[in-house]
């Protein structure tokens, strides 16, 4: 299998964590989203894999392409069920999905590179204004997320990292990058610390990817 990825993409980061958690070997194929020519995600070659011009994309050995990080992670969890990304109880599974989707569907898209580029290039917002925009939506999202997860468990839902933790840690990477004040989100930063003790999270970190830039 091949995973088309970009080192700084938080959606790609999520999938890399899951691959590491499950011990799945894939070939990483970098797609430079911020290339000076406009981004490799817009090339005809990559468009044939992912018409949405986004990363990540998982290409199976038979050539089948699966796009969108949440769909990829669901596929991986179905084909390689251990360790499970979701609790066994149906109610807790729904709650875990809701928390994960809050990050993946409500927060992350508003911090996405193409949204920021549109704000700058088409709406005339400067760097400071776009950072304010990103920090606002992350702050609101983390506030809601914290209310959705368990209050006493080691991770978001239980004693093992799962889908919600994967989405959280990837988004916290973005929060650290842009200087979001995380002091009042102690529950979330504690979970992040616990996750960092797991090699799956450290091995998939953006800073150590083959295409990482200084």
N, C-alpha and C. Protein backbone atom coordinates (compact mmCIF):
# COMPACT_ATOMS: atom_id res chain seq x y z
N UNK A 1 0.84 -1.20 0.00
CA UNK A 1 0.00 0.00 0.00
C UNK A 1 0.88 1.24 0.00
N UNK A 2 0.30 2.31 -0.51
CA UNK A 2 0.97 3.60 -0.52
C UNK A 2 0.08 4.64 0.16
N UNK A 3 0.69 5.47 0.99
CA UNK A 3 -0.03 6.60 1.58
C UNK A 3 0.55 7.88 1.03
N UNK A 4 -0.27 8.60 0.29
CA UNK A 4 0.13 9.91 -0.21
C UNK A 4 -0.11 10.91 0.91
N UNK A 5 0.94 11.58 1.31
CA UNK A 5 0.91 12.34 2.55
C UNK A 5 1.71 13.63 2.41
N UNK A 6 1.54 14.51 3.36
CA UNK A 6 2.37 15.73 3.46
C UNK A 6 2.74 15.87 4.92
N UNK A 7 3.99 16.13 5.20
CA UNK A 7 4.49 16.07 6.57
C UNK A 7 3.71 16.94 7.54
N UNK A 8 3.27 18.12 7.10
CA UNK A 8 2.62 19.07 8.01
C UNK A 8 1.09 18.93 8.01
N UNK A 9 0.56 18.12 7.15
CA UNK A 9 -0.89 17.93 7.08
C UNK A 9 -1.37 17.18 8.32
N UNK A 10 -2.30 17.78 9.08
CA UNK A 10 -2.80 17.11 10.28
C UNK A 10 -3.69 15.93 9.91
N UNK A 11 -4.37 15.99 8.78
CA UNK A 11 -5.16 14.84 8.33
C UNK A 11 -4.26 13.66 8.01
N UNK A 12 -3.12 13.93 7.38
CA UNK A 12 -2.14 12.87 7.10
C UNK A 12 -1.55 12.33 8.40
N UNK A 13 -1.29 13.24 9.34
CA UNK A 13 -0.74 12.87 10.64
C UNK A 13 -1.66 11.86 11.32
N UNK A 14 -2.97 12.09 11.27
CA UNK A 14 -3.93 11.16 11.87
C UNK A 14 -3.74 9.75 11.33
N UNK A 15 -3.69 9.65 10.02
CA UNK A 15 -3.60 8.33 9.40
C UNK A 15 -2.26 7.67 9.71
N UNK A 16 -1.19 8.45 9.73
CA UNK A 16 0.12 7.88 10.07
C UNK A 16 0.10 7.29 11.48
N UNK A 17 -0.57 7.99 12.42
CA UNK A 17 -0.66 7.47 13.79
C UNK A 17 -1.37 6.12 13.80
N UNK A 18 -2.49 6.04 13.09
CA UNK A 18 -3.26 4.79 13.07
C UNK A 18 -2.46 3.66 12.45
N UNK A 19 -1.75 3.94 11.38
CA UNK A 19 -0.89 2.92 10.76
C UNK A 19 0.15 2.40 11.75
N UNK A 20 0.72 3.33 12.52
CA UNK A 20 1.71 2.95 13.52
C UNK A 20 1.08 2.16 14.66
N UNK A 21 -0.09 2.61 15.12
CA UNK A 21 -0.77 1.91 16.21
C UNK A 21 -1.05 0.45 15.84
N UNK A 22 -1.42 0.24 14.60
CA UNK A 22 -1.80 -1.10 14.15
C UNK A 22 -0.64 -1.88 13.54
N UNK A 23 0.53 -1.26 13.45
CA UNK A 23 1.69 -1.96 12.93
C UNK A 23 1.58 -2.29 11.45
N UNK A 24 0.96 -1.40 10.69
CA UNK A 24 0.76 -1.63 9.25
C UNK A 24 1.87 -0.94 8.46
N UNK A 25 2.51 -1.67 7.60
CA UNK A 25 3.59 -1.10 6.78
C UNK A 25 3.04 -0.57 5.46
N UNK A 26 3.39 0.66 5.16
CA UNK A 26 3.01 1.26 3.88
C UNK A 26 4.20 2.04 3.33
N UNK A 27 4.12 2.37 2.07
CA UNK A 27 5.10 3.26 1.46
C UNK A 27 4.54 4.68 1.50
N UNK A 28 5.32 5.59 2.07
CA UNK A 28 4.88 6.98 2.13
C UNK A 28 5.33 7.71 0.86
N UNK A 29 4.38 8.39 0.24
CA UNK A 29 4.67 9.16 -0.97
C UNK A 29 4.35 10.62 -0.68
N UNK A 30 5.36 11.48 -0.54
CA UNK A 30 5.11 12.88 -0.22
C UNK A 30 4.42 13.62 -1.35
N UNK A 31 3.47 14.46 -0.96
CA UNK A 31 2.79 15.37 -1.88
C UNK A 31 2.96 16.77 -1.31
N UNK A 32 3.76 17.58 -1.96
CA UNK A 32 4.10 18.90 -1.43
C UNK A 32 2.94 19.87 -1.66
N UNK A 33 2.20 20.17 -0.59
CA UNK A 33 1.01 21.02 -0.73
C UNK A 33 1.35 22.48 -0.97
N UNK A 34 2.53 22.90 -0.52
CA UNK A 34 2.88 24.32 -0.62
C UNK A 34 4.00 24.55 -1.64
N UNK A 35 4.09 23.69 -2.61
CA UNK A 35 5.12 23.81 -3.64
C UNK A 35 4.98 25.14 -4.38
N UNK A 36 6.12 25.69 -4.77
CA UNK A 36 6.12 27.01 -5.42
C UNK A 36 5.31 27.05 -6.72
N UNK A 37 5.09 25.90 -7.33
CA UNK A 37 4.31 25.85 -8.56
C UNK A 37 2.81 25.74 -8.31
N UNK A 38 2.41 25.88 -7.04
CA UNK A 38 0.98 25.87 -6.73
C UNK A 38 0.52 24.67 -5.93
N UNK A 39 1.41 23.71 -5.72
CA UNK A 39 1.06 22.55 -4.94
C UNK A 39 0.92 21.30 -5.79
N UNK A 40 1.64 20.24 -5.41
CA UNK A 40 1.62 19.00 -6.19
C UNK A 40 0.27 18.29 -6.14
N UNK A 41 -0.56 18.68 -5.17
CA UNK A 41 -1.90 18.07 -5.08
C UNK A 41 -2.79 18.46 -6.25
N UNK A 42 -2.38 19.46 -7.01
CA UNK A 42 -3.18 19.91 -8.16
C UNK A 42 -2.70 19.32 -9.48
N UNK A 43 -1.68 18.47 -9.42
CA UNK A 43 -1.17 17.88 -10.66
C UNK A 43 -2.18 16.89 -11.24
N UNK A 44 -2.10 16.69 -12.54
CA UNK A 44 -3.00 15.73 -13.20
C UNK A 44 -2.81 14.32 -12.64
N UNK A 45 -1.56 13.98 -12.36
CA UNK A 45 -1.27 12.64 -11.84
C UNK A 45 -1.97 12.41 -10.51
N UNK A 46 -1.85 13.37 -9.62
CA UNK A 46 -2.47 13.19 -8.31
C UNK A 46 -3.99 13.35 -8.39
N UNK A 47 -4.46 14.16 -9.30
CA UNK A 47 -5.91 14.33 -9.46
C UNK A 47 -6.58 13.02 -9.83
N UNK A 48 -5.87 12.16 -10.55
CA UNK A 48 -6.42 10.85 -10.90
C UNK A 48 -6.58 9.95 -9.67
N UNK A 49 -5.80 10.23 -8.63
CA UNK A 49 -5.90 9.49 -7.37
C UNK A 49 -6.93 10.11 -6.46
N UNK A 50 -6.88 11.42 -6.32
CA UNK A 50 -7.77 12.14 -5.41
C UNK A 50 -8.30 13.40 -6.10
N UNK A 51 -9.52 13.34 -6.63
CA UNK A 51 -10.10 14.49 -7.33
C UNK A 51 -10.33 15.69 -6.43
N UNK A 52 -10.28 15.48 -5.11
CA UNK A 52 -10.46 16.58 -4.18
C UNK A 52 -9.21 17.40 -3.94
N UNK A 53 -8.11 16.96 -4.53
CA UNK A 53 -6.84 17.69 -4.43
C UNK A 53 -6.40 17.84 -2.97
N UNK A 54 -6.61 16.83 -2.15
CA UNK A 54 -6.22 16.89 -0.75
C UNK A 54 -5.42 15.64 -0.38
N UNK A 55 -4.77 15.69 0.76
CA UNK A 55 -4.12 14.52 1.34
C UNK A 55 -4.78 14.26 2.68
N UNK A 56 -4.72 13.00 3.12
CA UNK A 56 -4.02 11.86 2.55
C UNK A 56 -4.87 11.08 1.57
N UNK A 57 -4.20 10.21 0.84
CA UNK A 57 -4.86 9.20 0.00
C UNK A 57 -4.15 7.89 0.22
N UNK A 58 -4.93 6.84 0.43
CA UNK A 58 -4.38 5.51 0.60
C UNK A 58 -4.66 4.71 -0.66
N UNK A 59 -3.61 4.22 -1.31
CA UNK A 59 -3.76 3.41 -2.51
C UNK A 59 -3.40 1.96 -2.17
N UNK A 60 -4.38 1.08 -2.33
CA UNK A 60 -4.19 -0.33 -2.00
C UNK A 60 -3.35 -1.02 -3.06
N UNK A 61 -2.94 -2.24 -2.77
CA UNK A 61 -2.07 -2.97 -3.69
C UNK A 61 -2.73 -3.23 -5.03
N UNK A 62 -4.07 -3.27 -5.06
CA UNK A 62 -4.77 -3.50 -6.33
C UNK A 62 -5.07 -2.21 -7.07
N UNK A 63 -4.58 -1.07 -6.53
CA UNK A 63 -4.77 0.21 -7.18
C UNK A 63 -5.97 1.00 -6.70
N UNK A 64 -6.79 0.41 -5.85
CA UNK A 64 -7.95 1.12 -5.31
C UNK A 64 -7.48 2.27 -4.43
N UNK A 65 -8.06 3.45 -4.64
CA UNK A 65 -7.70 4.63 -3.85
C UNK A 65 -8.81 4.95 -2.86
N UNK A 66 -8.42 5.16 -1.62
CA UNK A 66 -9.35 5.59 -0.58
C UNK A 66 -8.89 6.97 -0.11
N UNK A 67 -9.80 7.93 -0.14
CA UNK A 67 -9.47 9.30 0.24
C UNK A 67 -10.27 9.70 1.48
N UNK A 68 -9.89 10.82 2.05
CA UNK A 68 -10.45 11.37 3.29
C UNK A 68 -9.95 10.57 4.49
N UNK A 69 -9.31 11.27 5.41
CA UNK A 69 -8.66 10.60 6.53
C UNK A 69 -9.61 9.77 7.37
N UNK A 70 -10.83 10.27 7.61
CA UNK A 70 -11.76 9.52 8.45
C UNK A 70 -12.18 8.21 7.78
N UNK A 71 -12.37 8.26 6.47
CA UNK A 71 -12.71 7.04 5.73
C UNK A 71 -11.54 6.07 5.72
N UNK A 72 -10.34 6.59 5.56
CA UNK A 72 -9.15 5.72 5.56
C UNK A 72 -9.00 5.04 6.91
N UNK A 73 -9.16 5.80 7.98
CA UNK A 73 -8.99 5.22 9.32
C UNK A 73 -10.08 4.20 9.61
N UNK A 74 -11.28 4.44 9.14
CA UNK A 74 -12.36 3.45 9.32
C UNK A 74 -12.04 2.17 8.58
N UNK A 75 -11.54 2.31 7.36
CA UNK A 75 -11.15 1.14 6.58
C UNK A 75 -10.07 0.34 7.30
N UNK A 76 -9.05 1.02 7.77
CA UNK A 76 -7.95 0.35 8.46
C UNK A 76 -8.45 -0.37 9.71
N UNK A 77 -9.39 0.26 10.41
CA UNK A 77 -9.91 -0.34 11.64
C UNK A 77 -10.77 -1.57 11.34
N UNK A 78 -11.39 -1.60 10.19
CA UNK A 78 -12.20 -2.76 9.82
C UNK A 78 -11.34 -3.92 9.33
N UNK A 79 -10.29 -3.62 8.59
CA UNK A 79 -9.43 -4.66 8.05
C UNK A 79 -8.42 -5.15 9.08
N UNK A 80 -7.92 -4.25 9.91
CA UNK A 80 -6.99 -4.58 10.99
C UNK A 80 -7.65 -4.14 12.31
N UNK A 81 -8.52 -4.95 12.87
CA UNK A 81 -9.35 -4.52 14.00
C UNK A 81 -8.62 -4.35 15.33
N UNK A 82 -7.38 -4.78 15.43
CA UNK A 82 -6.65 -4.64 16.69
C UNK A 82 -5.38 -3.81 16.50
N UNK A 83 -5.15 -2.90 17.46
CA UNK A 83 -6.04 -2.47 18.53
C UNK A 83 -7.19 -1.63 17.98
N UNK A 84 -8.35 -1.76 18.57
CA UNK A 84 -9.55 -1.07 18.09
C UNK A 84 -9.45 0.44 18.32
N UNK A 85 -9.94 1.19 17.36
CA UNK A 85 -9.94 2.65 17.49
C UNK A 85 -11.16 3.17 18.24
N UNK A 86 -12.17 2.32 18.39
CA UNK A 86 -13.42 2.75 19.02
C UNK A 86 -13.80 1.81 20.14
N UNK A 87 -14.51 2.31 21.16
CA UNK A 87 -14.98 1.45 22.25
C UNK A 87 -15.95 0.39 21.73
N UNK A 88 -16.12 -0.68 22.49
CA UNK A 88 -17.02 -1.76 22.08
C UNK A 88 -18.49 -1.41 22.32
N UNK A 89 -18.77 -0.60 23.32
CA UNK A 89 -20.15 -0.22 23.63
C UNK A 89 -20.69 0.73 22.56
N UNK A 90 -21.89 0.47 22.01
CA UNK A 90 -22.43 1.30 20.92
C UNK A 90 -22.57 2.78 21.28
N UNK A 91 -23.00 3.07 22.50
CA UNK A 91 -23.15 4.47 22.91
C UNK A 91 -21.79 5.15 22.98
N UNK A 92 -20.83 4.46 23.58
CA UNK A 92 -19.49 5.04 23.69
C UNK A 92 -18.83 5.17 22.33
N UNK A 93 -19.12 4.24 21.42
CA UNK A 93 -18.61 4.35 20.06
C UNK A 93 -19.13 5.61 19.39
N UNK A 94 -20.42 5.87 19.58
CA UNK A 94 -21.03 7.06 18.98
C UNK A 94 -20.41 8.33 19.58
N UNK A 95 -20.19 8.31 20.89
CA UNK A 95 -19.58 9.48 21.54
C UNK A 95 -18.16 9.70 21.06
N UNK A 96 -17.42 8.61 20.89
CA UNK A 96 -16.04 8.73 20.41
C UNK A 96 -16.01 9.26 18.98
N UNK A 97 -16.92 8.77 18.16
CA UNK A 97 -17.01 9.27 16.78
C UNK A 97 -17.37 10.76 16.76
N UNK A 98 -18.29 11.15 17.62
CA UNK A 98 -18.72 12.56 17.66
C UNK A 98 -17.55 13.46 18.03
N UNK A 99 -16.77 13.05 19.03
CA UNK A 99 -15.62 13.86 19.44
C UNK A 99 -14.59 13.95 18.31
N UNK A 100 -14.31 12.81 17.68
CA UNK A 100 -13.34 12.79 16.59
C UNK A 100 -13.81 13.66 15.42
N UNK A 101 -15.09 13.57 15.11
CA UNK A 101 -15.62 14.34 13.98
C UNK A 101 -15.70 15.83 14.29
N UNK A 102 -15.84 16.17 15.57
CA UNK A 102 -15.81 17.58 15.91
C UNK A 102 -14.49 18.21 15.49
N UNK A 103 -13.41 17.46 15.73
CA UNK A 103 -12.10 17.95 15.29
C UNK A 103 -11.97 17.88 13.78
N UNK A 104 -12.29 16.72 13.21
CA UNK A 104 -12.04 16.47 11.79
C UNK A 104 -12.97 17.25 10.87
N UNK A 105 -14.20 17.49 11.31
CA UNK A 105 -15.20 18.11 10.44
C UNK A 105 -15.50 19.58 10.77
N UNK A 106 -15.34 19.96 12.05
CA UNK A 106 -15.68 21.32 12.45
C UNK A 106 -14.46 22.22 12.60
N UNK A 107 -13.38 21.68 13.17
CA UNK A 107 -12.21 22.52 13.46
C UNK A 107 -11.19 22.50 12.33
N UNK A 108 -10.74 21.31 11.97
CA UNK A 108 -9.66 21.20 10.99
C UNK A 108 -9.96 21.88 9.65
N UNK A 109 -11.15 21.72 9.07
CA UNK A 109 -11.38 22.35 7.76
C UNK A 109 -11.21 23.87 7.77
N UNK A 110 -11.47 24.50 8.90
CA UNK A 110 -11.34 25.96 8.98
C UNK A 110 -9.89 26.40 9.16
N UNK A 111 -9.01 25.44 9.40
CA UNK A 111 -7.58 25.72 9.52
C UNK A 111 -6.80 25.16 8.33
N UNK A 112 -7.52 24.62 7.37
CA UNK A 112 -6.90 23.95 6.24
C UNK A 112 -6.14 24.95 5.36
N UNK A 113 -5.06 24.48 4.75
CA UNK A 113 -4.21 25.34 3.93
C UNK A 113 -5.01 26.06 2.85
N UNK A 114 -5.90 25.35 2.16
CA UNK A 114 -6.62 26.00 1.05
C UNK A 114 -7.58 27.07 1.55
N UNK A 115 -8.10 26.92 2.76
CA UNK A 115 -8.97 27.95 3.34
C UNK A 115 -8.15 29.19 3.68
N UNK A 116 -7.00 28.98 4.28
CA UNK A 116 -6.13 30.10 4.63
C UNK A 116 -5.63 30.82 3.37
N UNK A 117 -5.30 30.03 2.34
CA UNK A 117 -4.87 30.65 1.09
C UNK A 117 -5.99 31.50 0.48
N UNK A 118 -7.22 31.02 0.58
CA UNK A 118 -8.36 31.79 0.05
C UNK A 118 -8.55 33.07 0.84
N UNK A 119 -8.44 32.98 2.15
CA UNK A 119 -8.59 34.17 2.98
C UNK A 119 -7.55 35.23 2.61
N UNK A 120 -6.33 34.77 2.31
CA UNK A 120 -5.26 35.71 1.98
C UNK A 120 -5.37 36.22 0.54
N UNK A 121 -5.48 35.28 -0.39
CA UNK A 121 -5.37 35.64 -1.80
C UNK A 121 -6.64 36.25 -2.38
N UNK A 122 -7.80 35.80 -1.92
CA UNK A 122 -9.05 36.28 -2.49
C UNK A 122 -9.77 37.30 -1.62
N UNK A 123 -9.58 37.21 -0.31
CA UNK A 123 -10.29 38.12 0.59
C UNK A 123 -9.37 39.15 1.23
N UNK A 124 -8.09 39.10 0.91
CA UNK A 124 -7.17 40.15 1.32
C UNK A 124 -6.79 40.17 2.78
N UNK A 125 -6.93 39.04 3.47
CA UNK A 125 -6.55 39.00 4.87
C UNK A 125 -5.03 38.80 4.99
N UNK A 126 -4.43 39.47 5.98
CA UNK A 126 -2.98 39.31 6.15
C UNK A 126 -2.67 38.16 7.10
N UNK A 127 -1.37 37.93 7.33
CA UNK A 127 -0.96 36.80 8.16
C UNK A 127 -1.55 36.87 9.57
N UNK A 128 -1.53 38.05 10.16
CA UNK A 128 -2.04 38.21 11.52
C UNK A 128 -3.53 37.87 11.59
N UNK A 129 -4.27 38.34 10.61
CA UNK A 129 -5.72 38.09 10.61
C UNK A 129 -6.04 36.61 10.43
N UNK A 130 -5.28 35.94 9.58
CA UNK A 130 -5.56 34.51 9.37
C UNK A 130 -5.18 33.67 10.59
N UNK A 131 -4.14 34.09 11.30
CA UNK A 131 -3.79 33.38 12.53
C UNK A 131 -4.87 33.58 13.59
N UNK A 132 -5.40 34.79 13.69
CA UNK A 132 -6.51 35.05 14.62
C UNK A 132 -7.70 34.16 14.27
N UNK A 133 -7.97 34.03 12.98
CA UNK A 133 -9.07 33.17 12.51
C UNK A 133 -8.85 31.72 12.97
N UNK A 134 -7.65 31.19 12.72
CA UNK A 134 -7.37 29.80 13.08
C UNK A 134 -7.46 29.58 14.59
N UNK A 135 -6.87 30.47 15.35
CA UNK A 135 -6.86 30.32 16.80
C UNK A 135 -8.28 30.39 17.37
N UNK A 136 -9.10 31.22 16.79
CA UNK A 136 -10.50 31.34 17.26
C UNK A 136 -11.23 30.01 17.12
N UNK A 137 -11.14 29.38 15.96
CA UNK A 137 -11.88 28.14 15.72
C UNK A 137 -11.28 26.97 16.48
N UNK A 138 -9.97 26.97 16.68
CA UNK A 138 -9.39 25.91 17.50
C UNK A 138 -9.82 26.06 18.95
N UNK A 139 -9.82 27.28 19.45
CA UNK A 139 -10.24 27.51 20.84
C UNK A 139 -11.67 27.06 21.05
N UNK A 140 -12.55 27.42 20.14
CA UNK A 140 -13.95 27.00 20.27
C UNK A 140 -14.09 25.49 20.17
N UNK A 141 -13.35 24.89 19.27
CA UNK A 141 -13.43 23.45 19.09
C UNK A 141 -12.91 22.68 20.29
N UNK A 142 -11.78 23.11 20.84
CA UNK A 142 -11.23 22.43 22.00
C UNK A 142 -12.16 22.56 23.21
N UNK A 143 -12.82 23.71 23.33
CA UNK A 143 -13.76 23.92 24.43
C UNK A 143 -14.89 22.90 24.36
N UNK A 144 -15.42 22.70 23.16
CA UNK A 144 -16.50 21.73 22.98
C UNK A 144 -15.99 20.30 23.13
N UNK A 145 -14.84 20.02 22.56
CA UNK A 145 -14.27 18.67 22.60
C UNK A 145 -14.08 18.21 24.04
N UNK A 146 -13.57 19.10 24.88
CA UNK A 146 -13.29 18.74 26.26
C UNK A 146 -14.56 18.32 27.01
N UNK A 147 -15.70 18.85 26.58
CA UNK A 147 -16.96 18.51 27.23
C UNK A 147 -17.54 17.20 26.71
N UNK A 148 -17.03 16.70 25.61
CA UNK A 148 -17.55 15.47 25.01
C UNK A 148 -16.84 14.21 25.49
N UNK A 149 -15.63 14.36 25.98
CA UNK A 149 -14.83 13.18 26.30
C UNK A 149 -14.99 12.80 27.78
N UNK A 150 -14.50 11.61 28.13
CA UNK A 150 -14.53 11.16 29.52
C UNK A 150 -13.71 12.12 30.39
N UNK A 151 -14.12 12.23 31.62
CA UNK A 151 -13.43 13.15 32.52
C UNK A 151 -12.31 12.50 33.32
N UNK A 152 -12.37 11.19 33.51
CA UNK A 152 -11.42 10.54 34.41
C UNK A 152 -10.52 9.49 33.75
N UNK A 153 -10.76 9.17 32.50
CA UNK A 153 -9.98 8.12 31.85
C UNK A 153 -8.59 8.62 31.45
N UNK A 154 -7.70 7.70 31.20
CA UNK A 154 -6.34 8.03 30.81
C UNK A 154 -6.31 8.74 29.47
N UNK A 155 -7.13 8.25 28.55
CA UNK A 155 -7.24 8.87 27.23
C UNK A 155 -8.65 9.42 27.06
N UNK A 156 -9.01 9.81 25.87
CA UNK A 156 -10.33 10.43 25.67
C UNK A 156 -11.47 9.52 26.08
N UNK A 157 -11.35 8.24 25.74
CA UNK A 157 -12.38 7.25 26.06
C UNK A 157 -11.72 5.95 26.48
N UNK A 158 -11.28 5.88 27.71
CA UNK A 158 -10.70 4.65 28.20
C UNK A 158 -9.21 4.71 28.44
N UNK A 159 -8.63 3.55 28.59
CA UNK A 159 -7.21 3.44 28.96
C UNK A 159 -6.28 3.16 27.78
N UNK A 160 -6.83 3.20 26.57
CA UNK A 160 -6.02 3.03 25.37
C UNK A 160 -6.35 4.16 24.39
N UNK A 161 -5.37 4.64 23.65
CA UNK A 161 -5.66 5.70 22.68
C UNK A 161 -6.56 5.19 21.56
N UNK A 162 -7.46 6.04 21.11
CA UNK A 162 -8.38 5.66 20.04
C UNK A 162 -8.55 6.78 19.03
N UNK A 163 -9.63 6.71 18.30
CA UNK A 163 -9.87 7.65 17.21
C UNK A 163 -9.89 9.10 17.68
N UNK A 164 -10.56 9.36 18.80
CA UNK A 164 -10.64 10.73 19.31
C UNK A 164 -9.27 11.26 19.70
N UNK A 165 -8.45 10.42 20.30
CA UNK A 165 -7.10 10.83 20.69
C UNK A 165 -6.25 11.14 19.46
N UNK A 166 -6.39 10.31 18.44
CA UNK A 166 -5.65 10.51 17.20
C UNK A 166 -5.98 11.87 16.59
N UNK A 167 -7.26 12.18 16.51
CA UNK A 167 -7.68 13.47 15.95
C UNK A 167 -7.24 14.63 16.82
N UNK A 168 -7.34 14.45 18.14
CA UNK A 168 -6.94 15.51 19.06
C UNK A 168 -5.46 15.84 18.95
N UNK A 169 -4.62 14.83 19.02
CA UNK A 169 -3.17 15.06 19.00
C UNK A 169 -2.73 15.74 17.71
N UNK A 170 -3.29 15.32 16.59
CA UNK A 170 -2.94 15.95 15.31
C UNK A 170 -3.34 17.42 15.30
N UNK A 171 -4.51 17.74 15.85
CA UNK A 171 -4.95 19.13 15.87
C UNK A 171 -4.16 19.95 16.88
N UNK A 172 -3.75 19.34 17.98
CA UNK A 172 -2.91 20.05 18.95
C UNK A 172 -1.55 20.42 18.35
N UNK A 173 -1.07 19.59 17.45
CA UNK A 173 0.16 19.95 16.73
C UNK A 173 -0.04 21.29 16.02
N UNK A 174 -1.18 21.45 15.39
CA UNK A 174 -1.49 22.71 14.71
C UNK A 174 -1.63 23.84 15.71
N UNK A 175 -2.24 23.55 16.86
CA UNK A 175 -2.43 24.57 17.88
C UNK A 175 -1.09 25.07 18.42
N UNK A 176 -0.18 24.16 18.66
CA UNK A 176 1.16 24.57 19.11
C UNK A 176 1.85 25.41 18.05
N UNK A 177 1.68 25.01 16.82
CA UNK A 177 2.34 25.73 15.72
C UNK A 177 1.90 27.18 15.65
N UNK A 178 0.61 27.43 15.88
CA UNK A 178 0.08 28.78 15.72
C UNK A 178 -0.12 29.52 17.04
N UNK A 179 0.37 28.95 18.11
CA UNK A 179 0.39 29.68 19.37
C UNK A 179 -0.94 29.78 20.09
N UNK A 180 -1.79 28.77 19.96
CA UNK A 180 -3.05 28.77 20.71
C UNK A 180 -2.73 28.62 22.20
N UNK A 181 -3.40 29.42 23.02
CA UNK A 181 -3.21 29.34 24.47
C UNK A 181 -3.93 28.09 24.99
N UNK A 182 -3.15 27.10 25.36
CA UNK A 182 -3.71 25.82 25.79
C UNK A 182 -3.74 25.66 27.31
N UNK A 183 -3.42 26.72 28.02
CA UNK A 183 -3.32 26.61 29.47
C UNK A 183 -4.62 26.14 30.12
N UNK A 184 -5.73 26.58 29.58
CA UNK A 184 -7.01 26.21 30.21
C UNK A 184 -7.54 24.86 29.71
N UNK A 185 -6.79 24.22 28.82
CA UNK A 185 -7.21 22.90 28.32
C UNK A 185 -6.29 21.83 28.91
N UNK A 186 -6.18 21.81 30.22
CA UNK A 186 -5.25 20.90 30.87
C UNK A 186 -5.60 19.43 30.64
N UNK A 187 -6.88 19.13 30.57
CA UNK A 187 -7.29 17.75 30.31
C UNK A 187 -6.76 17.29 28.95
N UNK A 188 -6.84 18.16 27.96
CA UNK A 188 -6.40 17.82 26.62
C UNK A 188 -4.88 17.69 26.54
N UNK A 189 -4.17 18.60 27.19
CA UNK A 189 -2.71 18.52 27.13
C UNK A 189 -2.18 17.32 27.93
N UNK A 190 -2.91 16.91 28.96
CA UNK A 190 -2.53 15.70 29.69
C UNK A 190 -2.69 14.46 28.81
N UNK A 191 -3.78 14.43 28.06
CA UNK A 191 -3.97 13.32 27.12
C UNK A 191 -2.86 13.32 26.08
N UNK A 192 -2.52 14.50 25.60
CA UNK A 192 -1.43 14.60 24.62
C UNK A 192 -0.13 14.05 25.19
N UNK A 193 0.17 14.36 26.45
CA UNK A 193 1.38 13.85 27.08
C UNK A 193 1.37 12.32 27.16
N UNK A 194 0.21 11.76 27.50
CA UNK A 194 0.09 10.31 27.54
C UNK A 194 0.31 9.69 26.17
N UNK A 195 -0.24 10.32 25.15
CA UNK A 195 -0.09 9.82 23.79
C UNK A 195 1.37 9.86 23.35
N UNK A 196 2.08 10.88 23.77
CA UNK A 196 3.48 11.02 23.36
C UNK A 196 4.37 9.93 23.93
N UNK A 197 3.88 9.23 24.96
CA UNK A 197 4.63 8.11 25.52
C UNK A 197 4.52 6.86 24.64
N UNK A 198 3.59 6.91 23.70
CA UNK A 198 3.36 5.78 22.79
C UNK A 198 4.17 6.01 21.51
N UNK A 199 5.04 5.07 21.13
CA UNK A 199 5.87 5.25 19.92
C UNK A 199 5.06 5.52 18.66
N UNK A 200 3.82 5.05 18.61
CA UNK A 200 3.00 5.28 17.41
C UNK A 200 2.82 6.77 17.15
N UNK A 201 2.72 7.54 18.20
CA UNK A 201 2.52 8.98 18.06
C UNK A 201 3.82 9.69 17.75
N UNK A 202 4.90 9.27 18.39
CA UNK A 202 6.18 9.93 18.14
C UNK A 202 6.75 9.56 16.77
N UNK A 203 6.56 8.30 16.36
CA UNK A 203 7.10 7.87 15.07
C UNK A 203 6.38 8.50 13.88
N UNK A 204 5.17 8.98 14.11
CA UNK A 204 4.39 9.57 13.01
C UNK A 204 4.39 11.10 13.06
N UNK A 205 5.15 11.67 13.98
CA UNK A 205 5.15 13.13 14.15
C UNK A 205 5.65 13.83 12.88
N UNK A 206 5.04 14.96 12.54
CA UNK A 206 5.45 15.67 11.32
C UNK A 206 6.95 15.97 11.24
N UNK A 207 7.57 16.30 12.36
CA UNK A 207 8.95 16.76 12.33
C UNK A 207 9.95 15.70 11.89
N UNK A 208 9.56 14.40 11.94
CA UNK A 208 10.53 13.36 11.56
C UNK A 208 10.16 12.68 10.24
N UNK A 209 9.24 13.27 9.50
CA UNK A 209 8.88 12.69 8.20
C UNK A 209 9.97 12.99 7.17
N UNK A 210 10.05 12.16 6.17
CA UNK A 210 11.12 12.28 5.17
C UNK A 210 11.04 13.59 4.40
N UNK A 211 9.83 14.15 4.29
CA UNK A 211 9.67 15.40 3.53
C UNK A 211 9.60 16.62 4.44
N UNK A 212 9.90 16.44 5.74
CA UNK A 212 9.82 17.56 6.68
C UNK A 212 10.82 18.65 6.33
N UNK A 213 10.39 19.87 6.51
CA UNK A 213 11.24 21.03 6.25
C UNK A 213 11.56 21.74 7.57
N UNK A 214 12.69 22.38 7.63
CA UNK A 214 13.08 23.09 8.85
C UNK A 214 12.45 24.46 8.89
